[in-house]
Amino acid sequence: MRSQSHGGYLGMFGIRPIDDSDWSVLGFAGGSLGSDNYRGYWGGLGLSYKINKNASFNFFGMLSEDDYGTNNKLAGR
């Protein structure tokens, strides 16, 4: 017997420079819906620093919750 599941998500991501500095604020949020009343959402905020034209690093905090549980993290890249 075949099992079928369907779902989709909608989200957004934004970056906003802080005045004339090398720092930027970043943010993201979204939600998802699926088969069998599945629901979820996520969101986060962070900062990014431009080292030079080709390199940057960022760090952010995020939280997400769906029908499988909660996931809260601090991360950097």
C-alpha atoms as a PDB file:
ATOM      1  CA  MET A   1       0.000   0.000   0.000  1.00  0.00           C
ATOM      2  CA  ARG A   2       1.342   3.429  -0.977  1.00  0.00           C
ATOM      3  CA  SER A   3       1.453   6.271   1.493  1.00  0.00           C
ATOM      4  CA  GLN A   4       0.848   9.842   0.374  1.00  0.00           C
ATOM      5  CA  SER A   5       1.653  13.073   2.141  1.00  0.00           C
ATOM      6  CA  HIS A   6       1.398  16.627   0.839  1.00  0.00           C
ATOM      7  CA  GLY A   7       2.565  19.936   2.246  1.00  0.00           C
ATOM      8  CA  GLY A   8       3.979  23.340   1.555  1.00  0.00           C
ATOM      9  CA  TYR A   9       5.625  26.288   3.238  1.00  0.00           C
ATOM     10  CA  LEU A  10       5.824  30.044   2.897  1.00  0.00           C
ATOM     11  CA  GLY A  11       8.619  32.143   4.337  1.00  0.00           C
ATOM     12  CA  MET A  12      10.587  35.343   4.067  1.00  0.00           C
ATOM     13  CA  PHE A  13      14.143  36.502   4.728  1.00  0.00           C
ATOM     14  CA  GLY A  14      15.451  40.043   5.032  1.00  0.00           C
ATOM     15  CA  ILE A  15      18.744  41.860   5.545  1.00  0.00           C
ATOM     16  CA  ARG A  16      18.982  45.514   6.556  1.00  0.00           C
ATOM     17  CA  PRO A  17      22.304  47.421   6.778  1.00  0.00           C
ATOM     18  CA  ILE A  18      22.960  49.425   9.962  1.00  0.00           C
ATOM     19  CA  ASP A  19      23.786  52.983   8.839  1.00  0.00           C
ATOM     20  CA  ASP A  20      27.243  53.272   7.205  1.00  0.00           C
ATOM     21  CA  SER A  21      28.801  50.364   9.098  1.00  0.00           C
ATOM     22  CA  ASP A  22      29.794  46.834   8.066  1.00  0.00           C
ATOM     23  CA  TRP A  23      27.015  45.403  10.268  1.00  0.00           C
ATOM     24  CA  SER A  24      23.563  44.276   9.115  1.00  0.00           C
ATOM     25  CA  VAL A  25      20.478  42.965  10.882  1.00  0.00           C
ATOM     26  CA  LEU A  26      18.923  39.813   9.441  1.00  0.00           C
ATOM     27  CA  GLY A  27      15.569  38.231  10.102  1.00  0.00           C
ATOM     28  CA  PHE A  28      13.491  35.351   8.820  1.00  0.00           C
ATOM     29  CA  ALA A  29      10.102  33.787   9.468  1.00  0.00           C
ATOM     30  CA  GLY A  30       7.788  31.261   7.928  1.00  0.00           C
ATOM     31  CA  GLY A  31       5.148  28.641   8.354  1.00  0.00           C
ATOM     32  CA  SER A  32       4.157  25.280   6.928  1.00  0.00           C
ATOM     33  CA  LEU A  33       0.985  23.251   6.434  1.00  0.00           C
ATOM     34  CA  GLY A  34       0.600  19.645   5.394  1.00  0.00           C
ATOM     35  CA  SER A  35      -1.430  16.466   5.312  1.00  0.00           C
ATOM     36  CA  ASP A  36      -3.154  15.178   8.453  1.00  0.00           C
ATOM     37  CA  ASN A  37      -3.421  18.699   9.933  1.00  0.00           C
ATOM     38  CA  TYR A  38       0.381  19.170  10.101  1.00  0.00           C
ATOM     39  CA  ARG A  39       1.356  22.728  11.088  1.00  0.00           C
ATOM     40  CA  GLY A  40       4.638  24.427  11.876  1.00  0.00           C
ATOM     41  CA  TYR A  41       6.303  27.822  12.156  1.00  0.00           C
ATOM     42  CA  TRP A  42       9.817  29.211  12.530  1.00  0.00           C
ATOM     43  CA  GLY A  43      11.519  32.546  12.976  1.00  0.00           C
ATOM     44  CA  GLY A  44      14.809  34.129  13.904  1.00  0.00           C
ATOM     45  CA  LEU A  45      16.904  37.279  14.221  1.00  0.00           C
ATOM     46  CA  GLY A  46      20.616  37.896  13.975  1.00  0.00           C
ATOM     47  CA  LEU A  47      23.535  40.088  12.994  1.00  0.00           C
ATOM     48  CA  SER A  48      25.941  39.880  10.075  1.00  0.00           C
ATOM     49  CA  TYR A  49      29.403  41.473   9.765  1.00  0.00           C
ATOM     50  CA  LYS A  50      31.042  42.181   6.392  1.00  0.00           C
ATOM     51  CA  ILE A  51      34.766  41.422   6.635  1.00  0.00           C
ATOM     52  CA  ASN A  52      35.510  42.386   3.032  1.00  0.00           C
ATOM     53  CA  LYS A  53      33.836  42.289  -0.394  1.00  0.00           C
ATOM     54  CA  ASN A  54      33.904  38.458  -0.528  1.00  0.00           C
ATOM     55  CA  ALA A  55      33.631  37.386   3.120  1.00  0.00           C
ATOM     56  CA  SER A  56      31.271  37.861   6.045  1.00  0.00           C
ATOM     57  CA  PHE A  57      30.077  36.029   9.128  1.00  0.00           C
ATOM     58  CA  ASN A  58      26.784  36.016  10.960  1.00  0.00           C
ATOM     59  CA  PHE A  59      25.203  34.747  14.112  1.00  0.00           C
ATOM     60  CA  PHE A  60      21.536  34.334  14.887  1.00  0.00           C
ATOM     61  CA  GLY A  61      18.967  32.827  17.186  1.00  0.00           C
ATOM     62  CA  MET A  62      16.008  30.868  15.925  1.00  0.00           C
ATOM     63  CA  LEU A  63      13.015  29.033  17.224  1.00  0.00           C
ATOM     64  CA  SER A  64      10.701  26.619  15.509  1.00  0.00           C
ATOM     65  CA  GLU A  65       7.751  24.558  16.539  1.00  0.00           C
ATOM     66  CA  ASP A  66       5.731  21.973  14.664  1.00  0.00           C
ATOM     67  CA  ASP A  67       3.746  18.811  15.304  1.00  0.00           C
ATOM     68  CA  TYR A  68       7.009  16.921  15.933  1.00  0.00           C
ATOM     69  CA  GLY A  69       8.287  19.232  18.693  1.00  0.00           C
ATOM     70  CA  THR A  70      10.202  22.416  19.420  1.00  0.00           C
ATOM     71  CA  ASN A  71      13.688  23.373  18.202  1.00  0.00           C
ATOM     72  CA  ASN A  72      15.439  26.478  19.613  1.00  0.00           C
ATOM     73  CA  LYS A  73      19.051  27.225  18.597  1.00  0.00           C
ATOM     74  CA  LEU A  74      21.826  29.776  18.582  1.00  0.00           C
ATOM     75  CA  ALA A  75      24.022  29.471  15.501  1.00  0.00           C
ATOM     76  CA  GLY A  76      26.745  31.198  13.535  1.00  0.00           C
ATOM     77  CA  ARG A  77      28.188  30.883  10.119  1.00  0.00           C
END
